[in-house]
Amino acid sequence: MNRPYTFINVAMTADGKIDTFERKGSAISSKRDKSRVDELRAAADGILVGGRTLLDETPKLTVKSEALREDRVRRGLSPNPVKVGVVT
């Protein structure tokens, strides 16, 4: 079937938190996990975030690794995936 491949990646603390009560991101990922997320970003066409996150926090959502960005360009893609925001 010709359907888009979709995956979700969320980091949370052991008590189920994904953000602070002030809606400010918190560093809860390890260096190894950040590298894994960078590989996921490099493989994606777009990254979906909530509209409020996109407007309030202006996340970069970029591929950090220069080698991964160069690989995307060699494959005819932009260096970074497109930001996609959903507002309800």
PDB file of N, CA and C in Angstrom:
ATOM      1  N   MET A   1       0.838  -1.181   0.000  1.00  0.00           N
ATOM      2  CA  MET A   1       0.000   0.000   0.000  1.00  0.00           C
ATOM      3  C   MET A   1       0.884   1.246   0.000  1.00  0.00           C
ATOM      4  N   ASN A   2       0.456   2.252  -0.688  1.00  0.00           N
ATOM      5  CA  ASN A   2       1.221   3.483  -0.789  1.00  0.00           C
ATOM      6  C   ASN A   2       0.753   4.477   0.274  1.00  0.00           C
ATOM      7  N   ARG A   3       1.222   4.272   1.474  1.00  0.00           N
ATOM      8  CA  ARG A   3       0.856   5.148   2.590  1.00  0.00           C
ATOM      9  C   ARG A   3       2.103   5.707   3.234  1.00  0.00           C
ATOM     10  N   PRO A   4       1.979   6.880   3.855  1.00  0.00           N
ATOM     11  CA  PRO A   4       3.168   7.439   4.523  1.00  0.00           C
ATOM     12  C   PRO A   4       3.543   6.608   5.749  1.00  0.00           C
ATOM     13  N   TYR A   5       4.830   6.530   5.980  1.00  0.00           N
ATOM     14  CA  TYR A   5       5.354   5.871   7.177  1.00  0.00           C
ATOM     15  C   TYR A   5       5.385   6.916   8.287  1.00  0.00           C
ATOM     16  N   THR A   6       4.761   6.608   9.414  1.00  0.00           N
ATOM     17  CA  THR A   6       4.673   7.547  10.525  1.00  0.00           C
ATOM     18  C   THR A   6       5.220   6.889  11.786  1.00  0.00           C
ATOM     19  N   PHE A   7       5.987   7.652  12.562  1.00  0.00           N
ATOM     20  CA  PHE A   7       6.443   7.147  13.856  1.00  0.00           C
ATOM     21  C   PHE A   7       6.326   8.262  14.882  1.00  0.00           C
ATOM     22  N   ILE A   8       6.257   7.869  16.141  1.00  0.00           N
ATOM     23  CA  ILE A   8       6.180   8.846  17.230  1.00  0.00           C
ATOM     24  C   ILE A   8       7.360   8.596  18.159  1.00  0.00           C
ATOM     25  N   ASN A   9       7.922   9.680  18.651  1.00  0.00           N
ATOM     26  CA  ASN A   9       9.018   9.577  19.595  1.00  0.00           C
ATOM     27  C   ASN A   9       8.756  10.590  20.712  1.00  0.00           C
ATOM     28  N   VAL A  10       8.631  10.099  21.924  1.00  0.00           N
ATOM     29  CA  VAL A  10       8.376  10.967  23.076  1.00  0.00           C
ATOM     30  C   VAL A  10       9.270  10.519  24.218  1.00  0.00           C
ATOM     31  N   ALA A  11       9.897  11.475  24.874  1.00  0.00           N
ATOM     32  CA  ALA A  11      10.682  11.167  26.072  1.00  0.00           C
ATOM     33  C   ALA A  11       9.880  11.611  27.284  1.00  0.00           C
ATOM     34  N   MET A  12       9.878  10.795  28.325  1.00  0.00           N
ATOM     35  CA  MET A  12       9.196  11.191  29.554  1.00  0.00           C
ATOM     36  C   MET A  12       9.950  10.647  30.759  1.00  0.00           C
ATOM     37  N   THR A  13       9.698  11.281  31.884  1.00  0.00           N
ATOM     38  CA  THR A  13      10.340  10.869  33.128  1.00  0.00           C
ATOM     39  C   THR A  13       9.641   9.621  33.667  1.00  0.00           C
ATOM     40  N   ALA A  14      10.244   8.997  34.672  1.00  0.00           N
ATOM     41  CA  ALA A  14       9.672   7.783  35.262  1.00  0.00           C
ATOM     42  C   ALA A  14       8.277   8.023  35.845  1.00  0.00           C
ATOM     43  N   ASP A  15       7.985   9.270  36.242  1.00  0.00           N
ATOM     44  CA  ASP A  15       6.658   9.556  36.790  1.00  0.00           C
ATOM     45  C   ASP A  15       5.685  10.086  35.730  1.00  0.00           C
ATOM     46  N   GLY A  16       6.046   9.949  34.443  1.00  0.00           N
ATOM     47  CA  GLY A  16       5.129  10.272  33.365  1.00  0.00           C
ATOM     48  C   GLY A  16       5.127  11.707  32.881  1.00  0.00           C
ATOM     49  N   LYS A  17       6.087  12.510  33.276  1.00  0.00           N
ATOM     50  CA  LYS A  17       6.122  13.918  32.867  1.00  0.00           C
ATOM     51  C   LYS A  17       6.854  14.058  31.525  1.00  0.00           C
ATOM     52  N   ILE A  18       6.328  14.931  30.642  1.00  0.00           N
ATOM     53  CA  ILE A  18       7.015  15.216  29.386  1.00  0.00           C
ATOM     54  C   ILE A  18       7.413  16.681  29.299  1.00  0.00           C
ATOM     55  N   ASP A  19       7.038  17.466  30.300  1.00  0.00           N
ATOM     56  CA  ASP A  19       7.359  18.892  30.317  1.00  0.00           C
ATOM     57  C   ASP A  19       7.264  19.382  31.759  1.00  0.00           C
ATOM     58  N   THR A  20       7.749  20.581  32.022  1.00  0.00           N
ATOM     59  CA  THR A  20       7.602  21.169  33.348  1.00  0.00           C
ATOM     60  C   THR A  20       6.236  21.833  33.453  1.00  0.00           C
ATOM     61  N   PHE A  21       5.794  22.150  34.661  1.00  0.00           N
ATOM     62  CA  PHE A  21       4.492  22.799  34.827  1.00  0.00           C
ATOM     63  C   PHE A  21       4.478  24.188  34.203  1.00  0.00           C
ATOM     64  N   GLU A  22       5.656  24.746  33.971  1.00  0.00           N
ATOM     65  CA  GLU A  22       5.762  26.066  33.332  1.00  0.00           C
ATOM     66  C   GLU A  22       5.795  25.961  31.806  1.00  0.00           C
ATOM     67  N   ARG A  23       5.634  24.736  31.268  1.00  0.00           N
ATOM     68  CA  ARG A  23       5.704  24.459  29.824  1.00  0.00           C
ATOM     69  C   ARG A  23       7.061  24.833  29.242  1.00  0.00           C
ATOM     70  N   LYS A  24       8.092  24.558  30.010  1.00  0.00           N
ATOM     71  CA  LYS A  24       9.457  24.779  29.539  1.00  0.00           C
ATOM     72  C   LYS A  24      10.123  23.410  29.452  1.00  0.00           C
ATOM     73  N   GLY A  25      10.718  23.146  28.304  1.00  0.00           N
ATOM     74  CA  GLY A  25      11.361  21.860  28.103  1.00  0.00           C
ATOM     75  C   GLY A  25      12.379  21.546  29.181  1.00  0.00           C
ATOM     76  N   SER A  26      12.496  20.284  29.482  1.00  0.00           N
ATOM     77  CA  SER A  26      13.429  19.829  30.491  1.00  0.00           C
ATOM     78  C   SER A  26      14.342  18.773  29.876  1.00  0.00           C
ATOM     79  N   ALA A  27      15.618  18.850  30.165  1.00  0.00           N
ATOM     80  CA  ALA A  27      16.579  17.887  29.620  1.00  0.00           C
ATOM     81  C   ALA A  27      16.450  16.564  30.359  1.00  0.00           C
ATOM     82  N   ILE A  28      15.793  15.592  29.730  1.00  0.00           N
ATOM     83  CA  ILE A  28      15.618  14.288  30.374  1.00  0.00           C
ATOM     84  C   ILE A  28      16.215  13.156  29.543  1.00  0.00           C
ATOM     85  N   SER A  29      16.788  13.476  28.400  1.00  0.00           N
ATOM     86  CA  SER A  29      17.356  12.454  27.528  1.00  0.00           C
ATOM     87  C   SER A  29      18.867  12.363  27.710  1.00  0.00           C
ATOM     88  N   SER A  30      19.373  11.161  27.524  1.00  0.00           N
ATOM     89  CA  SER A  30      20.821  10.941  27.605  1.00  0.00           C
ATOM     90  C   SER A  30      21.481  11.354  26.288  1.00  0.00           C
ATOM     91  N   LYS A  31      22.798  11.412  26.300  1.00  0.00           N
ATOM     92  CA  LYS A  31      23.556  11.738  25.092  1.00  0.00           C
ATOM     93  C   LYS A  31      23.290  10.690  24.003  1.00  0.00           C
ATOM     94  N   ARG A  32      23.231   9.439  24.399  1.00  0.00           N
ATOM     95  CA  ARG A  32      22.964   8.341  23.456  1.00  0.00           C
ATOM     96  C   ARG A  32      21.575   8.487  22.833  1.00  0.00           C
ATOM     97  N   ASP A  33      20.585   8.843  23.654  1.00  0.00           N
ATOM     98  CA  ASP A  33      19.235   9.007  23.133  1.00  0.00           C
ATOM     99  C   ASP A  33      19.150  10.208  22.196  1.00  0.00           C
ATOM    100  N   LYS A  34      19.852  11.278  22.512  1.00  0.00           N
ATOM    101  CA  LYS A  34      19.854  12.453  21.632  1.00  0.00           C
ATOM    102  C   LYS A  34      20.425  12.107  20.266  1.00  0.00           C
ATOM    103  N   SER A  35      21.433  11.256  20.225  1.00  0.00           N
ATOM    104  CA  SER A  35      22.013  10.804  18.968  1.00  0.00           C
ATOM    105  C   SER A  35      20.993   9.974  18.186  1.00  0.00           C
ATOM    106  N   ARG A  36      20.271   9.106  18.883  1.00  0.00           N
ATOM    107  CA  ARG A  36      19.233   8.284  18.246  1.00  0.00           C
ATOM    108  C   ARG A  36      18.138   9.168  17.665  1.00  0.00           C
ATOM    109  N   VAL A  37      17.719  10.196  18.398  1.00  0.00           N
ATOM    110  CA  VAL A  37      16.697  11.116  17.915  1.00  0.00           C
ATOM    111  C   VAL A  37      17.194  11.877  16.691  1.00  0.00           C
ATOM    112  N   ASP A  38      18.463  12.227  16.677  1.00  0.00           N
ATOM    113  CA  ASP A  38      19.028  12.920  15.524  1.00  0.00           C
ATOM    114  C   ASP A  38      18.941  12.030  14.283  1.00  0.00           C
ATOM    115  N   GLU A  39      19.189  10.735  14.456  1.00  0.00           N
ATOM    116  CA  GLU A  39      19.067   9.796  13.334  1.00  0.00           C
ATOM    117  C   GLU A  39      17.617   9.696  12.863  1.00  0.00           C
ATOM    118  N   LEU A  40      16.674   9.701  13.797  1.00  0.00           N
ATOM    119  CA  LEU A  40      15.253   9.696  13.423  1.00  0.00           C
ATOM    120  C   LEU A  40      14.895  10.941  12.629  1.00  0.00           C
ATOM    121  N   ARG A  41      15.353  12.089  13.102  1.00  0.00           N
ATOM    122  CA  ARG A  41      15.084  13.341  12.385  1.00  0.00           C
ATOM    123  C   ARG A  41      15.663  13.314  10.982  1.00  0.00           C
ATOM    124  N   ALA A  42      16.869  12.791  10.860  1.00  0.00           N
ATOM    125  CA  ALA A  42      17.523  12.741   9.554  1.00  0.00           C
ATOM    126  C   ALA A  42      16.758  11.851   8.579  1.00  0.00           C
ATOM    127  N   ALA A  43      16.030  10.867   9.091  1.00  0.00           N
ATOM    128  CA  ALA A  43      15.269   9.953   8.242  1.00  0.00           C
ATOM    129  C   ALA A  43      13.867  10.465   7.927  1.00  0.00           C
ATOM    130  N   ALA A  44      13.453  11.543   8.560  1.00  0.00           N
ATOM    131  CA  ALA A  44      12.076  12.036   8.423  1.00  0.00           C
ATOM    132  C   ALA A  44      11.943  13.116   7.354  1.00  0.00           C
ATOM    133  N   ASP A  45      10.762  13.165   6.744  1.00  0.00           N
ATOM    134  CA  ASP A  45      10.434  14.252   5.805  1.00  0.00           C
ATOM    135  C   ASP A  45       9.931  15.469   6.570  1.00  0.00           C
ATOM    136  N   GLY A  46       9.240  15.226   7.672  1.00  0.00           N
ATOM    137  CA  GLY A  46       8.693  16.323   8.468  1.00  0.00           C
ATOM    138  C   GLY A  46       8.600  15.924   9.924  1.00  0.00           C
ATOM    139  N   ILE A  47       8.547  16.929  10.799  1.00  0.00           N
ATOM    140  CA  ILE A  47       8.406  16.691  12.235  1.00  0.00           C
ATOM    141  C   ILE A  47       7.160  17.432  12.705  1.00  0.00           C
ATOM    142  N   LEU A  48       6.238  16.700  13.296  1.00  0.00           N
ATOM    143  CA  LEU A  48       4.968  17.238  13.752  1.00  0.00           C
ATOM    144  C   LEU A  48       5.051  17.626  15.223  1.00  0.00           C
ATOM    145  N   VAL A  49       4.668  18.847  15.522  1.00  0.00           N
ATOM    146  CA  VAL A  49       4.575  19.314  16.906  1.00  0.00           C
ATOM    147  C   VAL A  49       3.264  20.060  17.065  1.00  0.00           C
ATOM    148  N   GLY A  50       2.846  20.218  18.298  1.00  0.00           N
ATOM    149  CA  GLY A  50       1.644  20.985  18.563  1.00  0.00           C
ATOM    150  C   GLY A  50       1.830  22.445  18.169  1.00  0.00           C
ATOM    151  N   GLY A  51       0.755  23.067  17.738  1.00  0.00           N
ATOM    152  CA  GLY A  51       0.810  24.455  17.304  1.00  0.00           C
ATOM    153  C   GLY A  51       1.306  25.407  18.368  1.00  0.00           C
ATOM    154  N   ARG A  52       0.877  25.200  19.617  1.00  0.00           N
ATOM    155  CA  ARG A  52       1.316  26.076  20.714  1.00  0.00           C
ATOM    156  C   ARG A  52       2.817  25.930  20.921  1.00  0.00           C
ATOM    157  N   THR A  53       3.316  24.707  20.842  1.00  0.00           N
ATOM    158  CA  THR A  53       4.763  24.484  20.976  1.00  0.00           C
ATOM    159  C   THR A  53       5.499  25.214  19.865  1.00  0.00           C
ATOM    160  N   LEU A  54       4.994  25.091  18.657  1.00  0.00           N
ATOM    161  CA  LEU A  54       5.636  25.735  17.512  1.00  0.00           C
ATOM    162  C   LEU A  54       5.649  27.250  17.668  1.00  0.00           C
ATOM    163  N   LEU A  55       4.547  27.826  18.136  1.00  0.00           N
ATOM    164  CA  LEU A  55       4.455  29.276  18.275  1.00  0.00           C
ATOM    165  C   LEU A  55       5.131  29.812  19.538  1.00  0.00           C
ATOM    166  N   ASP A  56       4.961  29.117  20.653  1.00  0.00           N
ATOM    167  CA  ASP A  56       5.482  29.613  21.932  1.00  0.00           C
ATOM    168  C   ASP A  56       6.957  29.333  22.148  1.00  0.00           C
ATOM    169  N   GLU A  57       7.414  28.178  21.695  1.00  0.00           N
ATOM    170  CA  GLU A  57       8.784  27.759  21.989  1.00  0.00           C
ATOM    171  C   GLU A  57       9.723  27.868  20.792  1.00  0.00           C
ATOM    172  N   THR A  58       9.203  28.033  19.609  1.00  0.00           N
ATOM    173  CA  THR A  58       9.979  28.102  18.378  1.00  0.00           C
ATOM    174  C   THR A  58      11.078  27.028  18.351  1.00  0.00           C
ATOM    175  N   PRO A  59      10.699  25.751  18.420  1.00  0.00           N
ATOM    176  CA  PRO A  59      11.717  24.692  18.440  1.00  0.00           C
ATOM    177  C   PRO A  59      12.490  24.631  17.130  1.00  0.00           C
ATOM    178  N   LYS A  60      13.756  24.300  17.215  1.00  0.00           N
ATOM    179  CA  LYS A  60      14.592  24.221  16.009  1.00  0.00           C
ATOM    180  C   LYS A  60      14.243  22.987  15.177  1.00  0.00           C
ATOM    181  N   LEU A  61      14.103  21.845  15.812  1.00  0.00           N
ATOM    182  CA  LEU A  61      13.750  20.594  15.137  1.00  0.00           C
ATOM    183  C   LEU A  61      14.682  20.281  13.965  1.00  0.00           C
ATOM    184  N   THR A  62      15.944  20.572  14.142  1.00  0.00           N
ATOM    185  CA  THR A  62      16.929  20.375  13.082  1.00  0.00           C
ATOM    186  C   THR A  62      17.766  19.119  13.324  1.00  0.00           C
ATOM    187  N   VAL A  63      18.397  18.657  12.271  1.00  0.00           N
ATOM    188  CA  VAL A  63      19.344  17.552  12.373  1.00  0.00           C
ATOM    189  C   VAL A  63      20.654  18.152  12.866  1.00  0.00           C
ATOM    190  N   LYS A  64      21.143  17.671  13.985  1.00  0.00           N
ATOM    191  CA  LYS A  64      22.346  18.244  14.598  1.00  0.00           C
ATOM    192  C   LYS A  64      23.642  17.794  13.917  1.00  0.00           C
ATOM    193  N   SER A  65      23.687  16.543  13.502  1.00  0.00           N
ATOM    194  CA  SER A  65      24.900  15.970  12.921  1.00  0.00           C
ATOM    195  C   SER A  65      25.144  16.510  11.513  1.00  0.00           C
ATOM    196  N   GLU A  66      26.323  17.064  11.308  1.00  0.00           N
ATOM    197  CA  GLU A  66      26.684  17.572   9.986  1.00  0.00           C
ATOM    198  C   GLU A  66      26.701  16.436   8.962  1.00  0.00           C
ATOM    199  N   ALA A  67      27.197  15.271   9.363  1.00  0.00           N
ATOM    200  CA  ALA A  67      27.250  14.122   8.453  1.00  0.00           C
ATOM    201  C   ALA A  67      25.852  13.686   8.028  1.00  0.00           C
ATOM    202  N   LEU A  68      24.910  13.673   8.963  1.00  0.00           N
ATOM    203  CA  LEU A  68      23.538  13.295   8.624  1.00  0.00           C
ATOM    204  C   LEU A  68      22.876  14.342   7.724  1.00  0.00           C
ATOM    205  N   ARG A  69      23.154  15.616   7.969  1.00  0.00           N
ATOM    206  CA  ARG A  69      22.614  16.667   7.091  1.00  0.00           C
ATOM    207  C   ARG A  69      23.182  16.530   5.680  1.00  0.00           C
ATOM    208  N   GLU A  70      24.493  16.298   5.581  1.00  0.00           N
ATOM    209  CA  GLU A  70      25.125  16.129   4.272  1.00  0.00           C
ATOM    210  C   GLU A  70      24.545  14.924   3.528  1.00  0.00           C
ATOM    211  N   ASP A  71      24.261  13.850   4.257  1.00  0.00           N
ATOM    212  CA  ASP A  71      23.658  12.667   3.650  1.00  0.00           C
ATOM    213  C   ASP A  71      22.274  12.992   3.091  1.00  0.00           C
ATOM    214  N   ARG A  72      21.491  13.781   3.825  1.00  0.00           N
ATOM    215  CA  ARG A  72      20.169  14.189   3.336  1.00  0.00           C
ATOM    216  C   ARG A  72      20.308  14.971   2.033  1.00  0.00           C
ATOM    217  N   VAL A  73      21.264  15.892   1.991  1.00  0.00           N
ATOM    218  CA  VAL A  73      21.476  16.716   0.792  1.00  0.00           C
ATOM    219  C   VAL A  73      21.906  15.833  -0.390  1.00  0.00           C
ATOM    220  N   ARG A  74      22.779  14.868  -0.134  1.00  0.00           N
ATOM    221  CA  ARG A  74      23.207  13.943  -1.200  1.00  0.00           C
ATOM    222  C   ARG A  74      22.028  13.166  -1.771  1.00  0.00           C
ATOM    223  N   ARG A  75      21.024  12.912  -0.936  1.00  0.00           N
ATOM    224  CA  ARG A  75      19.830  12.184  -1.391  1.00  0.00           C
ATOM    225  C   ARG A  75      18.788  13.106  -2.020  1.00  0.00           C
ATOM    226  N   GLY A  76      19.152  14.384  -2.182  1.00  0.00           N
ATOM    227  CA  GLY A  76      18.243  15.327  -2.836  1.00  0.00           C
ATOM    228  C   GLY A  76      17.228  15.959  -1.902  1.00  0.00           C
ATOM    229  N   LEU A  77      17.459  15.851  -0.607  1.00  0.00           N
ATOM    230  CA  LEU A  77      16.553  16.427   0.390  1.00  0.00           C
ATOM    231  C   LEU A  77      17.137  17.718   0.952  1.00  0.00           C
ATOM    232  N   SER A  78      16.312  18.477   1.634  1.00  0.00           N
ATOM    233  CA  SER A  78      16.822  19.642   2.353  1.00  0.00           C
ATOM    234  C   SER A  78      17.639  19.140   3.540  1.00  0.00           C
ATOM    235  N   PRO A  79      18.527  19.964   4.091  1.00  0.00           N
ATOM    236  CA  PRO A  79      19.353  19.516   5.218  1.00  0.00           C
ATOM    237  C   PRO A  79      18.538  19.093   6.445  1.00  0.00           C
ATOM    238  N   ASN A  80      17.349  19.675   6.600  1.00  0.00           N
ATOM    239  CA  ASN A  80      16.504  19.396   7.757  1.00  0.00           C
ATOM    240  C   ASN A  80      15.084  19.078   7.315  1.00  0.00           C
ATOM    241  N   PRO A  81      14.371  18.267   8.103  1.00  0.00           N
ATOM    242  CA  PRO A  81      12.977  18.000   7.791  1.00  0.00           C
ATOM    243  C   PRO A  81      12.120  19.261   7.985  1.00  0.00           C
ATOM    244  N   VAL A  82      10.957  19.265   7.391  1.00  0.00           N
ATOM    245  CA  VAL A  82      10.023  20.383   7.480  1.00  0.00           C
ATOM    246  C   VAL A  82       9.347  20.369   8.858  1.00  0.00           C
ATOM    247  N   LYS A  83       9.124  21.559   9.435  1.00  0.00           N
ATOM    248  CA  LYS A  83       8.358  21.684  10.674  1.00  0.00           C
ATOM    249  C   LYS A  83       6.875  21.666  10.318  1.00  0.00           C
ATOM    250  N   VAL A  84       6.097  20.870  11.039  1.00  0.00           N
ATOM    251  CA  VAL A  84       4.662  20.785  10.811  1.00  0.00           C
ATOM    252  C   VAL A  84       3.966  21.035  12.137  1.00  0.00           C
ATOM    253  N   GLY A  85       3.074  22.011  12.188  1.00  0.00           N
ATOM    254  CA  GLY A  85       2.354  22.335  13.419  1.00  0.00           C
ATOM    255  C   GLY A  85       0.873  22.038  13.270  1.00  0.00           C
ATOM    256  N   VAL A  86       0.269  21.550  14.341  1.00  0.00           N
ATOM    257  CA  VAL A  86      -1.170  21.264  14.355  1.00  0.00           C
ATOM    258  C   VAL A  86      -1.825  22.154  15.396  1.00  0.00           C
ATOM    259  N   VAL A  87      -2.821  22.894  14.949  1.00  0.00           N
ATOM    260  CA  VAL A  87      -3.573  23.771  15.849  1.00  0.00           C
ATOM    261  C   VAL A  87      -5.031  23.363  15.780  1.00  0.00           C
ATOM    262  N   THR A  88      -5.652  23.209  16.944  1.00  0.00           N
ATOM    263  CA  THR A  88      -7.079  22.852  16.957  1.00  0.00           C
ATOM    264  C   THR A  88      -7.934  24.002  17.383  1.00  0.00           C
TER     265      THR A  88
END
